[in-house]
Amino acid sequence: MNNKSEPEYVKLVEYERNGLVEQVHFGLVLLMDKKGIIKKIGDDNNYKFYHRSCMKPLQASVIIDLEIDKKYNLTEEEIALCCASHTGDKIHQQYIKSILKKTGFSENDLLCPPHEPLSRKELDDIIINRLMPQKIHNNCSGKHSAMLAICKEKGYSKENYKDLNHPLSEFIIQHVCNLCEVKRTEVTVSKDGCGLPVIATTTEQLGKGFLNLFTNLKYKKIINAFLNNPILIGGEGRLDTQIIQNTKNVIAKVGACGLCVIVNLEKEQAIVIKIADSNMEARAITAFEALKQEKWTDESSVRINNINRGEIRNLDYELVGEIKSCFSLL
């Protein structure tokens, strides 16, 4: 069970219109290296947060450990999809189909539910052509393809592979615990949106998992999959894709409920972000502000959807307010 202490969230972002603050977002920001915490904004008080999709690259590292990538000649692009929360565009579907074909499975074997694609273009195509969303559109279908390959390599049944009592579940959970340097008995386990198990740890333990993965040359193929294929890790307009595109030697992965983990490969440091109310725009503002403060990105290259240098404009494009970051890692 979680520690009874509640997280001490602090104000990270506020929206001010003509002198009045009308929108505020609270959360946590953590800067750390493999030795531990360097600076933190707020305090999780050892409260545990589910990793959600931030767990995907940690899970996918099993593909490398078992040399499944070599056995089936998986490319960097296909490895990227195993780690991705993709938007369901044609390019994402292409590589997922390739993974399934190489490993001897089909789309019917996927146990992730059919889901409307996050891609507006792909969703429009479905609507216009009067089609139904498919399993492959699910943003977790790449992860599920990886899980099928792991089942095959370990001799596990593909039936009900997402159940908590399936041997795959315990195998993956223990592997992720090892990366995060946490005892199996200390993590809380539930099911993610796609039906696969997900664990909860402290923000520091989540950051350790990322640092242990992305600073280990054993996982060079995963590192390169992120660096060389940002559009496959997320997709058009996705925060992790934007971060990778606007930085050098920096990777990022987002998770539901306001999570984002960013790793500077040269400095071997990580930034872990948790937005209390899960607001995606506040997460993006916080992420790029943290990158700017740590000088991990060129501020002039940053473009976050409709956010333009912190300005709030109305539909007449009149300047009516500003978005302010309220924290400092300096």
C-alpha atoms as a PDB file:
ATOM      1  CA  MET A   1       0.000   0.000   0.000  1.00  0.00           C
ATOM      2  CA  ASN A   2       1.056   3.617  -0.470  1.00  0.00           C
ATOM      3  CA  ASN A   3       2.642   5.546   2.354  1.00  0.00           C
ATOM      4  CA  LYS A   4      -0.034   7.566   4.148  1.00  0.00           C
ATOM      5  CA  SER A   5       1.931  10.794   3.599  1.00  0.00           C
ATOM      6  CA  GLU A   6       0.488  12.857   0.786  1.00  0.00           C
ATOM      7  CA  PRO A   7       2.785  14.411  -1.837  1.00  0.00           C
ATOM      8  CA  GLU A   8       3.697  18.035  -1.193  1.00  0.00           C
ATOM      9  CA  TYR A   9       2.797  19.558  -4.539  1.00  0.00           C
ATOM     10  CA  VAL A  10       3.970  23.078  -5.335  1.00  0.00           C
ATOM     11  CA  LYS A  11       2.738  25.617  -7.874  1.00  0.00           C
ATOM     12  CA  LEU A  12       4.501  25.079 -11.193  1.00  0.00           C
ATOM     13  CA  VAL A  13       2.442  27.028 -13.751  1.00  0.00           C
ATOM     14  CA  GLU A  14      -0.032  29.883 -13.595  1.00  0.00           C
ATOM     15  CA  TYR A  15      -2.082  31.647 -16.261  1.00  0.00           C
ATOM     16  CA  GLU A  16      -2.528  35.373 -15.700  1.00  0.00           C
ATOM     17  CA  ARG A  17      -5.031  37.485 -17.644  1.00  0.00           C
ATOM     18  CA  ASN A  18      -4.971  41.264 -17.156  1.00  0.00           C
ATOM     19  CA  GLY A  19      -3.377  41.009 -13.742  1.00  0.00           C
ATOM     20  CA  LEU A  20      -5.577  38.218 -12.403  1.00  0.00           C
ATOM     21  CA  VAL A  21      -4.454  34.606 -12.033  1.00  0.00           C
ATOM     22  CA  GLU A  22      -7.249  32.420 -13.406  1.00  0.00           C
ATOM     23  CA  GLN A  23      -5.588  29.031 -13.815  1.00  0.00           C
ATOM     24  CA  VAL A  24      -2.968  27.290 -11.650  1.00  0.00           C
ATOM     25  CA  HIS A  25      -1.283  23.886 -11.882  1.00  0.00           C
ATOM     26  CA  PHE A  26       0.637  22.146  -9.111  1.00  0.00           C
ATOM     27  CA  GLY A  27       3.071  19.252  -9.248  1.00  0.00           C
ATOM     28  CA  LEU A  28       6.557  17.901  -8.634  1.00  0.00           C
ATOM     29  CA  VAL A  29       9.867  18.291 -10.496  1.00  0.00           C
ATOM     30  CA  LEU A  30      12.918  16.200  -9.727  1.00  0.00           C
ATOM     31  CA  LEU A  31      16.473  16.580 -11.057  1.00  0.00           C
ATOM     32  CA  MET A  32      18.690  13.594 -10.323  1.00  0.00           C
ATOM     33  CA  ASP A  33      21.621  11.454 -11.362  1.00  0.00           C
ATOM     34  CA  LYS A  34      22.463   7.850 -10.558  1.00  0.00           C
ATOM     35  CA  LYS A  35      23.736   8.859  -7.117  1.00  0.00           C
ATOM     36  CA  GLY A  36      20.406  10.392  -6.150  1.00  0.00           C
ATOM     37  CA  ILE A  37      18.442  13.632  -6.063  1.00  0.00           C
ATOM     38  CA  ILE A  38      20.255  16.836  -7.028  1.00  0.00           C
ATOM     39  CA  LYS A  39      17.327  19.237  -6.710  1.00  0.00           C
ATOM     40  CA  LYS A  40      13.609  18.807  -6.202  1.00  0.00           C
ATOM     41  CA  ILE A  41      10.619  21.086  -6.469  1.00  0.00           C
ATOM     42  CA  GLY A  42       7.980  19.780  -4.107  1.00  0.00           C
ATOM     43  CA  ASP A  43       8.278  16.425  -2.372  1.00  0.00           C
ATOM     44  CA  ASP A  44       6.580  13.111  -3.130  1.00  0.00           C
ATOM     45  CA  ASN A  45       7.113  12.044   0.517  1.00  0.00           C
ATOM     46  CA  ASN A  46       7.784   8.541  -0.812  1.00  0.00           C
ATOM     47  CA  TYR A  47       4.276   8.421  -2.221  1.00  0.00           C
ATOM     48  CA  LYS A  48       4.055   5.966  -5.103  1.00  0.00           C
ATOM     49  CA  PHE A  49       2.879   6.874  -8.587  1.00  0.00           C
ATOM     50  CA  TYR A  50       1.965   4.389 -11.294  1.00  0.00           C
ATOM     51  CA  HIS A  51       4.480   4.549 -14.126  1.00  0.00           C
ATOM     52  CA  ARG A  52       1.765   4.374 -16.761  1.00  0.00           C
ATOM     53  CA  SER A  53       3.361   4.657 -20.238  1.00  0.00           C
ATOM     54  CA  CYS A  54       6.685   5.751 -18.760  1.00  0.00           C
ATOM     55  CA  MET A  55       7.064   2.053 -18.009  1.00  0.00           C
ATOM     56  CA  LYS A  56       7.170   1.132 -21.699  1.00  0.00           C
ATOM     57  CA  PRO A  57      10.906   1.512 -22.404  1.00  0.00           C
ATOM     58  CA  LEU A  58      11.688  -0.257 -19.112  1.00  0.00           C
ATOM     59  CA  GLN A  59       9.518  -3.179 -20.226  1.00  0.00           C
ATOM     60  CA  ALA A  60      10.933  -3.146 -23.750  1.00  0.00           C
ATOM     61  CA  SER A  61      14.484  -3.557 -22.449  1.00  0.00           C
ATOM     62  CA  VAL A  62      13.633  -7.257 -21.995  1.00  0.00           C
ATOM     63  CA  ILE A  63      13.684  -7.471 -25.800  1.00  0.00           C
ATOM     64  CA  ILE A  64      17.401  -6.702 -25.631  1.00  0.00           C
ATOM     65  CA  ASP A  65      18.118  -8.858 -22.575  1.00  0.00           C
ATOM     66  CA  LEU A  66      16.637 -11.917 -24.280  1.00  0.00           C
ATOM     67  CA  GLU A  67      18.242 -10.963 -27.621  1.00  0.00           C
ATOM     68  CA  ILE A  68      14.842 -11.060 -29.290  1.00  0.00           C
ATOM     69  CA  ASP A  69      15.952  -8.072 -31.361  1.00  0.00           C
ATOM     70  CA  LYS A  70      18.784 -10.143 -32.836  1.00  0.00           C
ATOM     71  CA  LYS A  71      16.756 -13.315 -33.280  1.00  0.00           C
ATOM     72  CA  TYR A  72      14.084 -11.547 -35.323  1.00  0.00           C
ATOM     73  CA  ASN A  73      16.264  -8.786 -36.779  1.00  0.00           C
ATOM     74  CA  LEU A  74      14.181  -6.021 -35.220  1.00  0.00           C
ATOM     75  CA  THR A  75      15.172  -2.594 -36.491  1.00  0.00           C
ATOM     76  CA  GLU A  76      15.584   0.623 -34.483  1.00  0.00           C
ATOM     77  CA  GLU A  77      12.225   1.735 -35.841  1.00  0.00           C
ATOM     78  CA  GLU A  78      10.531  -1.428 -34.603  1.00  0.00           C
ATOM     79  CA  ILE A  79      12.230  -1.126 -31.204  1.00  0.00           C
ATOM     80  CA  ALA A  80      10.934   2.451 -31.029  1.00  0.00           C
ATOM     81  CA  LEU A  81       7.369   1.188 -31.461  1.00  0.00           C
ATOM     82  CA  CYS A  82       7.885  -1.313 -28.632  1.00  0.00           C
ATOM     83  CA  CYS A  83       8.568   1.718 -26.386  1.00  0.00           C
ATOM     84  CA  ALA A  84       6.016   4.079 -27.897  1.00  0.00           C
ATOM     85  CA  SER A  85       2.748   5.712 -26.974  1.00  0.00           C
ATOM     86  CA  HIS A  86       2.035   6.295 -30.636  1.00  0.00           C
ATOM     87  CA  THR A  87      -0.708   8.249 -32.351  1.00  0.00           C
ATOM     88  CA  GLY A  88      -1.789   5.424 -34.657  1.00  0.00           C
ATOM     89  CA  ASP A  89      -0.614   6.979 -37.910  1.00  0.00           C
ATOM     90  CA  LYS A  90       0.118   4.810 -40.925  1.00  0.00           C
ATOM     91  CA  ILE A  91       3.851   4.803 -40.178  1.00  0.00           C
ATOM     92  CA  HIS A  92       3.214   3.481 -36.675  1.00  0.00           C
ATOM     93  CA  GLN A  93       0.906   0.777 -38.002  1.00  0.00           C
ATOM     94  CA  GLN A  94       3.504  -0.207 -40.582  1.00  0.00           C
ATOM     95  CA  TYR A  95       6.186  -1.013 -38.019  1.00  0.00           C
ATOM     96  CA  ILE A  96       3.833  -2.774 -35.629  1.00  0.00           C
ATOM     97  CA  LYS A  97       2.668  -5.040 -38.446  1.00  0.00           C
ATOM     98  CA  SER A  98       6.313  -5.725 -39.240  1.00  0.00           C
ATOM     99  CA  ILE A  99       7.078  -6.703 -35.632  1.00  0.00           C
ATOM    100  CA  LEU A 100       4.113  -9.057 -35.562  1.00  0.00           C
ATOM    101  CA  LYS A 101       5.036 -10.639 -38.897  1.00  0.00           C
ATOM    102  CA  LYS A 102       8.684 -11.152 -37.938  1.00  0.00           C
ATOM    103  CA  THR A 103       7.783 -12.766 -34.619  1.00  0.00           C
ATOM    104  CA  GLY A 104       5.037 -14.973 -36.046  1.00  0.00           C
ATOM    105  CA  PHE A 105       1.923 -13.218 -34.752  1.00  0.00           C
ATOM    106  CA  SER A 106      -1.007 -11.325 -36.217  1.00  0.00           C
ATOM    107  CA  GLU A 107      -3.127  -8.372 -35.155  1.00  0.00           C
ATOM    108  CA  ASN A 108      -5.704 -10.846 -33.853  1.00  0.00           C
ATOM    109  CA  ASP A 109      -3.208 -11.968 -31.199  1.00  0.00           C
ATOM    110  CA  LEU A 110      -3.044  -8.485 -29.677  1.00  0.00           C
ATOM    111  CA  LEU A 111      -5.066  -8.188 -26.486  1.00  0.00           C
ATOM    112  CA  CYS A 112      -5.066  -4.396 -26.349  1.00  0.00           C
ATOM    113  CA  PRO A 113      -8.608  -3.127 -26.983  1.00  0.00           C
ATOM    114  CA  PRO A 114      -9.489  -1.326 -30.227  1.00  0.00           C
ATOM    115  CA  HIS A 115      -9.079   2.374 -29.650  1.00  0.00           C
ATOM    116  CA  GLU A 116      -9.551   5.548 -31.649  1.00  0.00           C
ATOM    117  CA  PRO A 117      -6.138   6.722 -32.903  1.00  0.00           C
ATOM    118  CA  LEU A 118      -4.677   9.813 -31.260  1.00  0.00           C
ATOM    119  CA  SER A 119      -3.805  11.077 -34.733  1.00  0.00           C
ATOM    120  CA  ARG A 120      -6.438  13.519 -35.977  1.00  0.00           C
ATOM    121  CA  LYS A 121      -5.612  12.650 -39.583  1.00  0.00           C
ATOM    122  CA  GLU A 122      -5.961   8.920 -39.019  1.00  0.00           C
ATOM    123  CA  LEU A 123      -9.179   9.366 -37.059  1.00  0.00           C
ATOM    124  CA  ASP A 124     -10.618  11.515 -39.870  1.00  0.00           C
ATOM    125  CA  ASP A 125      -9.777   8.774 -42.369  1.00  0.00           C
ATOM    126  CA  ILE A 126     -11.613   6.225 -40.231  1.00  0.00           C
ATOM    127  CA  ILE A 127     -14.674   8.441 -39.941  1.00  0.00           C
ATOM    128  CA  ILE A 128     -14.743   9.434 -43.622  1.00  0.00           C
ATOM    129  CA  ASN A 129     -14.396   5.829 -44.755  1.00  0.00           C
ATOM    130  CA  ARG A 130     -16.899   4.594 -42.154  1.00  0.00           C
ATOM    131  CA  LEU A 131     -14.405   2.222 -40.621  1.00  0.00           C
ATOM    132  CA  MET A 132     -14.000   1.072 -37.039  1.00  0.00           C
ATOM    133  CA  PRO A 133     -10.914   1.668 -34.868  1.00  0.00           C
ATOM    134  CA  GLN A 134      -8.686  -1.401 -34.679  1.00  0.00           C
ATOM    135  CA  LYS A 135      -6.383  -2.864 -32.028  1.00  0.00           C
ATOM    136  CA  ILE A 136      -3.391  -1.594 -33.966  1.00  0.00           C
ATOM    137  CA  HIS A 137      -4.645   1.984 -33.497  1.00  0.00           C
ATOM    138  CA  ASN A 138      -4.322   1.593 -29.726  1.00  0.00           C
ATOM    139  CA  ASN A 139      -1.369   3.709 -28.581  1.00  0.00           C
ATOM    140  CA  CYS A 140      -0.066   0.679 -26.628  1.00  0.00           C
ATOM    141  CA  SER A 141      -0.162  -1.807 -29.531  1.00  0.00           C
ATOM    142  CA  GLY A 142       3.619  -1.641 -29.952  1.00  0.00           C
ATOM    143  CA  LYS A 143       4.115  -2.613 -26.302  1.00  0.00           C
ATOM    144  CA  HIS A 144       1.661  -5.473 -26.714  1.00  0.00           C
ATOM    145  CA  SER A 145       3.552  -6.673 -29.795  1.00  0.00           C
ATOM    146  CA  ALA A 146       6.715  -6.760 -27.692  1.00  0.00           C
ATOM    147  CA  MET A 147       4.929  -8.717 -24.954  1.00  0.00           C
ATOM    148  CA  LEU A 148       3.852 -11.355 -27.480  1.00  0.00           C
ATOM    149  CA  ALA A 149       7.451 -11.742 -28.649  1.00  0.00           C
ATOM    150  CA  ILE A 150       8.630 -12.139 -25.053  1.00  0.00           C
ATOM    151  CA  CYS A 151       5.964 -14.794 -24.435  1.00  0.00           C
ATOM    152  CA  LYS A 152       7.195 -16.737 -27.434  1.00  0.00           C
ATOM    153  CA  GLU A 153      10.836 -16.542 -26.344  1.00  0.00           C
ATOM    154  CA  LYS A 154      10.040 -17.579 -22.756  1.00  0.00           C
ATOM    155  CA  GLY A 155       7.661 -20.342 -23.763  1.00  0.00           C
ATOM    156  CA  TYR A 156       4.662 -18.630 -22.194  1.00  0.00           C
ATOM    157  CA  SER A 157       1.181 -19.000 -23.618  1.00  0.00           C
ATOM    158  CA  LYS A 158      -0.054 -16.075 -25.704  1.00  0.00           C
ATOM    159  CA  GLU A 159      -3.497 -16.612 -24.207  1.00  0.00           C
ATOM    160  CA  ASN A 160      -4.463 -14.029 -21.597  1.00  0.00           C
ATOM    161  CA  TYR A 161      -0.906 -12.669 -21.553  1.00  0.00           C
ATOM    162  CA  LYS A 162      -2.075  -9.420 -19.954  1.00  0.00           C
ATOM    163  CA  ASP A 163      -3.562 -11.086 -16.872  1.00  0.00           C
ATOM    164  CA  LEU A 164      -1.871 -10.425 -13.535  1.00  0.00           C
ATOM    165  CA  ASN A 165      -1.533 -14.165 -12.895  1.00  0.00           C
ATOM    166  CA  HIS A 166       0.114 -14.851 -16.273  1.00  0.00           C
ATOM    167  CA  PRO A 167       3.848 -15.689 -15.897  1.00  0.00           C
ATOM    168  CA  LEU A 168       4.698 -12.800 -18.236  1.00  0.00           C
ATOM    169  CA  SER A 169       3.377 -10.314 -15.694  1.00  0.00           C
ATOM    170  CA  GLU A 170       5.675 -11.344 -12.859  1.00  0.00           C
ATOM    171  CA  PHE A 171       8.638 -11.675 -15.208  1.00  0.00           C
ATOM    172  CA  ILE A 172       8.221  -8.112 -16.507  1.00  0.00           C
ATOM    173  CA  ILE A 173       7.440  -6.635 -13.093  1.00  0.00           C
ATOM    174  CA  GLN A 174      10.573  -8.146 -11.553  1.00  0.00           C
ATOM    175  CA  HIS A 175      12.692  -6.885 -14.448  1.00  0.00           C
ATOM    176  CA  VAL A 176      11.378  -3.326 -14.088  1.00  0.00           C
ATOM    177  CA  CYS A 177      11.904  -3.476 -10.318  1.00  0.00           C
ATOM    178  CA  ASN A 178      15.540  -4.393 -10.919  1.00  0.00           C
ATOM    179  CA  LEU A 179      16.027  -1.406 -13.219  1.00  0.00           C
ATOM    180  CA  CYS A 180      14.379   0.901 -10.679  1.00  0.00           C
ATOM    181  CA  GLU A 181      16.440  -0.555  -7.817  1.00  0.00           C
ATOM    182  CA  VAL A 182      13.354  -1.366  -5.784  1.00  0.00           C
ATOM    183  CA  LYS A 183      12.302  -4.594  -4.105  1.00  0.00           C
ATOM    184  CA  ARG A 184       9.388  -6.428  -5.663  1.00  0.00           C
ATOM    185  CA  THR A 185       7.596  -6.410  -2.326  1.00  0.00           C
ATOM    186  CA  GLU A 186       7.795  -2.607  -2.174  1.00  0.00           C
ATOM    187  CA  VAL A 187       5.923  -1.822  -5.401  1.00  0.00           C
ATOM    188  CA  THR A 188       2.188  -1.492  -5.887  1.00  0.00           C
ATOM    189  CA  VAL A 189       0.743  -3.240  -8.949  1.00  0.00           C
ATOM    190  CA  SER A 190      -2.414  -2.477 -10.891  1.00  0.00           C
ATOM    191  CA  LYS A 191      -3.582  -2.615 -14.497  1.00  0.00           C
ATOM    192  CA  ASP A 192      -2.921   0.109 -17.041  1.00  0.00           C
ATOM    193  CA  GLY A 193      -5.454   1.439 -19.520  1.00  0.00           C
ATOM    194  CA  CYS A 194      -4.473  -1.156 -22.110  1.00  0.00           C
ATOM    195  CA  GLY A 195      -4.896  -4.028 -19.650  1.00  0.00           C
ATOM    196  CA  LEU A 196      -1.244  -4.860 -18.980  1.00  0.00           C
ATOM    197  CA  PRO A 197       0.145  -4.651 -15.443  1.00  0.00           C
ATOM    198  CA  VAL A 198       1.714  -1.396 -14.302  1.00  0.00           C
ATOM    199  CA  ILE A 199       3.747  -0.738 -11.177  1.00  0.00           C
ATOM    200  CA  ALA A 200       3.911   2.245  -8.845  1.00  0.00           C
ATOM    201  CA  THR A 201       7.137   3.577  -7.295  1.00  0.00           C
ATOM    202  CA  THR A 202       8.439   6.873  -6.010  1.00  0.00           C
ATOM    203  CA  THR A 203       9.486   9.487  -8.568  1.00  0.00           C
ATOM    204  CA  GLU A 204      13.144   8.923  -7.667  1.00  0.00           C
ATOM    205  CA  GLN A 205      12.865   5.186  -8.295  1.00  0.00           C
ATOM    206  CA  LEU A 206      11.236   5.861 -11.659  1.00  0.00           C
ATOM    207  CA  GLY A 207      14.103   8.202 -12.533  1.00  0.00           C
ATOM    208  CA  LYS A 208      16.628   5.535 -11.494  1.00  0.00           C
ATOM    209  CA  GLY A 209      14.985   3.074 -13.840  1.00  0.00           C
ATOM    210  CA  PHE A 210      15.412   5.458 -16.760  1.00  0.00           C
ATOM    211  CA  LEU A 211      19.016   6.282 -15.879  1.00  0.00           C
ATOM    212  CA  ASN A 212      19.924   2.613 -15.488  1.00  0.00           C
ATOM    213  CA  LEU A 213      18.411   1.915 -18.899  1.00  0.00           C
ATOM    214  CA  PHE A 214      19.501   4.899 -20.951  1.00  0.00           C
ATOM    215  CA  THR A 215      23.066   5.167 -19.622  1.00  0.00           C
ATOM    216  CA  ASN A 216      23.803   1.484 -20.213  1.00  0.00           C
ATOM    217  CA  LEU A 217      25.410   0.795 -23.598  1.00  0.00           C
ATOM    218  CA  LYS A 218      23.880  -2.675 -23.476  1.00  0.00           C
ATOM    219  CA  TYR A 219      20.669  -0.886 -24.469  1.00  0.00           C
ATOM    220  CA  LYS A 220      22.252   1.201 -27.223  1.00  0.00           C
ATOM    221  CA  LYS A 221      19.606   0.024 -29.671  1.00  0.00           C
ATOM    222  CA  ILE A 222      16.846   1.460 -27.476  1.00  0.00           C
ATOM    223  CA  ILE A 223      18.809   4.676 -26.989  1.00  0.00           C
ATOM    224  CA  ASN A 224      19.240   5.072 -30.742  1.00  0.00           C
ATOM    225  CA  ALA A 225      15.591   4.167 -31.325  1.00  0.00           C
ATOM    226  CA  PHE A 226      14.615   7.215 -29.266  1.00  0.00           C
ATOM    227  CA  LEU A 227      17.237   9.599 -30.645  1.00  0.00           C
ATOM    228  CA  ASN A 228      16.760   8.703 -34.299  1.00  0.00           C
ATOM    229  CA  ASN A 229      12.994   8.174 -34.403  1.00  0.00           C
ATOM    230  CA  PRO A 230      11.212  10.783 -32.258  1.00  0.00           C
ATOM    231  CA  ILE A 231       8.104  10.717 -34.454  1.00  0.00           C
ATOM    232  CA  LEU A 232       7.733   6.989 -33.745  1.00  0.00           C
ATOM    233  CA  ILE A 233       8.050   7.357 -29.965  1.00  0.00           C
ATOM    234  CA  GLY A 234       4.972   9.588 -29.872  1.00  0.00           C
ATOM    235  CA  GLY A 235       3.818  11.355 -32.984  1.00  0.00           C
ATOM    236  CA  GLU A 236       2.856  14.750 -34.329  1.00  0.00           C
ATOM    237  CA  GLY A 237       2.324  17.182 -31.451  1.00  0.00           C
ATOM    238  CA  ARG A 238       3.282  14.707 -28.726  1.00  0.00           C
ATOM    239  CA  LEU A 239       5.446  16.128 -25.946  1.00  0.00           C
ATOM    240  CA  ASP A 240       8.126  13.429 -25.881  1.00  0.00           C
ATOM    241  CA  THR A 241       8.521  13.682 -29.659  1.00  0.00           C
ATOM    242  CA  GLN A 242       8.848  17.479 -29.421  1.00  0.00           C
ATOM    243  CA  ILE A 243      11.460  17.271 -26.667  1.00  0.00           C
ATOM    244  CA  ILE A 244      13.638  14.830 -28.590  1.00  0.00           C
ATOM    245  CA  GLN A 245      13.316  16.926 -31.756  1.00  0.00           C
ATOM    246  CA  ASN A 246      14.297  20.151 -29.965  1.00  0.00           C
ATOM    247  CA  THR A 247      17.289  18.849 -28.018  1.00  0.00           C
ATOM    248  CA  LYS A 248      20.556  17.041 -28.560  1.00  0.00           C
ATOM    249  CA  ASN A 249      21.342  13.745 -26.834  1.00  0.00           C
ATOM    250  CA  VAL A 250      18.174  13.995 -24.749  1.00  0.00           C
ATOM    251  CA  ILE A 251      15.362  11.446 -24.662  1.00  0.00           C
ATOM    252  CA  ALA A 252      11.894  11.739 -23.158  1.00  0.00           C
ATOM    253  CA  LYS A 253       8.861   9.572 -22.460  1.00  0.00           C
ATOM    254  CA  VAL A 254       5.463  10.700 -21.271  1.00  0.00           C
ATOM    255  CA  GLY A 255       2.937   8.780 -19.227  1.00  0.00           C
ATOM    256  CA  ALA A 256      -0.694   9.332 -18.356  1.00  0.00           C
ATOM    257  CA  CYS A 257      -1.707  11.363 -15.305  1.00  0.00           C
ATOM    258  CA  GLY A 258       0.867  14.109 -15.797  1.00  0.00           C
ATOM    259  CA  LEU A 259       4.100  12.111 -15.945  1.00  0.00           C
ATOM    260  CA  CYS A 260       7.174  12.839 -18.040  1.00  0.00           C
ATOM    261  CA  VAL A 261      10.739  11.538 -17.674  1.00  0.00           C
ATOM    262  CA  ILE A 262      13.602  13.235 -19.519  1.00  0.00           C
ATOM    263  CA  VAL A 263      17.180  11.925 -19.638  1.00  0.00           C
ATOM    264  CA  ASN A 264      20.265  13.885 -20.682  1.00  0.00           C
ATOM    265  CA  LEU A 265      22.524  11.174 -22.070  1.00  0.00           C
ATOM    266  CA  GLU A 266      25.722  13.257 -21.864  1.00  0.00           C
ATOM    267  CA  LYS A 267      25.206  14.491 -18.306  1.00  0.00           C
ATOM    268  CA  GLU A 268      23.648  11.193 -17.205  1.00  0.00           C
ATOM    269  CA  GLN A 269      20.944  13.124 -15.399  1.00  0.00           C
ATOM    270  CA  ALA A 270      17.168  12.811 -15.383  1.00  0.00           C
ATOM    271  CA  ILE A 271      14.252  15.185 -14.880  1.00  0.00           C
ATOM    272  CA  VAL A 272      11.065  13.589 -13.581  1.00  0.00           C
ATOM    273  CA  ILE A 273       7.822  15.590 -13.757  1.00  0.00           C
ATOM    274  CA  LYS A 274       4.443  14.859 -12.193  1.00  0.00           C
ATOM    275  CA  ILE A 275       1.542  17.286 -12.704  1.00  0.00           C
ATOM    276  CA  ALA A 276      -1.022  16.871  -9.924  1.00  0.00           C
ATOM    277  CA  ASP A 277      -4.124  17.451 -12.060  1.00  0.00           C
ATOM    278  CA  SER A 278      -2.664  15.640 -15.109  1.00  0.00           C
ATOM    279  CA  ASN A 279      -3.010  18.746 -17.336  1.00  0.00           C
ATOM    280  CA  MET A 280      -1.049  18.049 -20.512  1.00  0.00           C
ATOM    281  CA  GLU A 281      -0.384  21.683 -21.383  1.00  0.00           C
ATOM    282  CA  ALA A 282       0.981  22.358 -17.901  1.00  0.00           C
ATOM    283  CA  ARG A 283       3.192  19.283 -18.270  1.00  0.00           C
ATOM    284  CA  ALA A 284       4.581  20.620 -21.546  1.00  0.00           C
ATOM    285  CA  ILE A 285       5.218  24.097 -20.109  1.00  0.00           C
ATOM    286  CA  THR A 286       6.940  22.595 -17.061  1.00  0.00           C
ATOM    287  CA  ALA A 287       9.053  20.246 -19.169  1.00  0.00           C
ATOM    288  CA  PHE A 288      10.362  22.929 -21.504  1.00  0.00           C
ATOM    289  CA  GLU A 289      10.947  25.348 -18.621  1.00  0.00           C
ATOM    290  CA  ALA A 290      13.009  22.693 -16.827  1.00  0.00           C
ATOM    291  CA  LEU A 291      14.959  22.014 -20.030  1.00  0.00           C
ATOM    292  CA  LYS A 292      15.578  25.727 -20.486  1.00  0.00           C
ATOM    293  CA  GLN A 293      16.740  26.224 -16.901  1.00  0.00           C
ATOM    294  CA  GLU A 294      19.139  23.289 -17.144  1.00  0.00           C
ATOM    295  CA  LYS A 295      20.290  24.489 -20.591  1.00  0.00           C
ATOM    296  CA  TRP A 296      19.344  21.178 -22.180  1.00  0.00           C
ATOM    297  CA  THR A 297      17.579  22.891 -25.099  1.00  0.00           C
ATOM    298  CA  ASP A 298      17.733  25.981 -27.277  1.00  0.00           C
ATOM    299  CA  GLU A 299      14.805  28.125 -26.115  1.00  0.00           C
ATOM    300  CA  SER A 300      14.371  29.682 -29.553  1.00  0.00           C
ATOM    301  CA  SER A 301      13.618  26.269 -31.079  1.00  0.00           C
ATOM    302  CA  VAL A 302      10.808  25.399 -28.679  1.00  0.00           C
ATOM    303  CA  ARG A 303       7.272  25.370 -30.046  1.00  0.00           C
ATOM    304  CA  ILE A 304       4.560  23.767 -27.924  1.00  0.00           C
ATOM    305  CA  ASN A 305       1.269  23.490 -29.800  1.00  0.00           C
ATOM    306  CA  ASN A 306      -0.451  26.915 -29.441  1.00  0.00           C
ATOM    307  CA  ILE A 307       1.849  28.118 -26.671  1.00  0.00           C
ATOM    308  CA  ASN A 308       4.062  30.859 -28.046  1.00  0.00           C
ATOM    309  CA  ARG A 309       6.611  32.241 -25.573  1.00  0.00           C
ATOM    310  CA  GLY A 310       4.109  32.208 -22.744  1.00  0.00           C
ATOM    311  CA  GLU A 311       1.605  34.522 -24.387  1.00  0.00           C
ATOM    312  CA  ILE A 312      -2.158  34.165 -24.015  1.00  0.00           C
ATOM    313  CA  ARG A 313      -4.000  35.532 -27.029  1.00  0.00           C
ATOM    314  CA  ASN A 314      -7.690  35.599 -27.862  1.00  0.00           C
ATOM    315  CA  LEU A 315      -9.259  34.619 -31.184  1.00  0.00           C
ATOM    316  CA  ASP A 316      -8.522  38.111 -32.529  1.00  0.00           C
ATOM    317  CA  TYR A 317      -4.872  37.400 -31.680  1.00  0.00           C
ATOM    318  CA  GLU A 318      -4.845  40.195 -29.118  1.00  0.00           C
ATOM    319  CA  LEU A 319      -2.361  39.729 -26.290  1.00  0.00           C
ATOM    320  CA  VAL A 320      -4.500  39.327 -23.154  1.00  0.00           C
ATOM    321  CA  GLY A 321      -2.258  37.548 -20.697  1.00  0.00           C
ATOM    322  CA  GLU A 322       0.749  35.367 -20.067  1.00  0.00           C
ATOM    323  CA  ILE A 323       1.692  31.915 -18.865  1.00  0.00           C
ATOM    324  CA  LYS A 324       4.248  31.923 -16.079  1.00  0.00           C
ATOM    325  CA  SER A 325       6.451  29.152 -14.736  1.00  0.00           C
ATOM    326  CA  CYS A 326       6.662  29.353 -10.959  1.00  0.00           C
ATOM    327  CA  PHE A 327       9.641  27.148 -10.085  1.00  0.00           C
ATOM    328  CA  SER A 328      13.427  27.230 -10.261  1.00  0.00           C
ATOM    329  CA  LEU A 329      15.915  24.376 -10.505  1.00  0.00           C
ATOM    330  CA  LEU A 330      18.834  26.819 -10.419  1.00  0.00           C
END
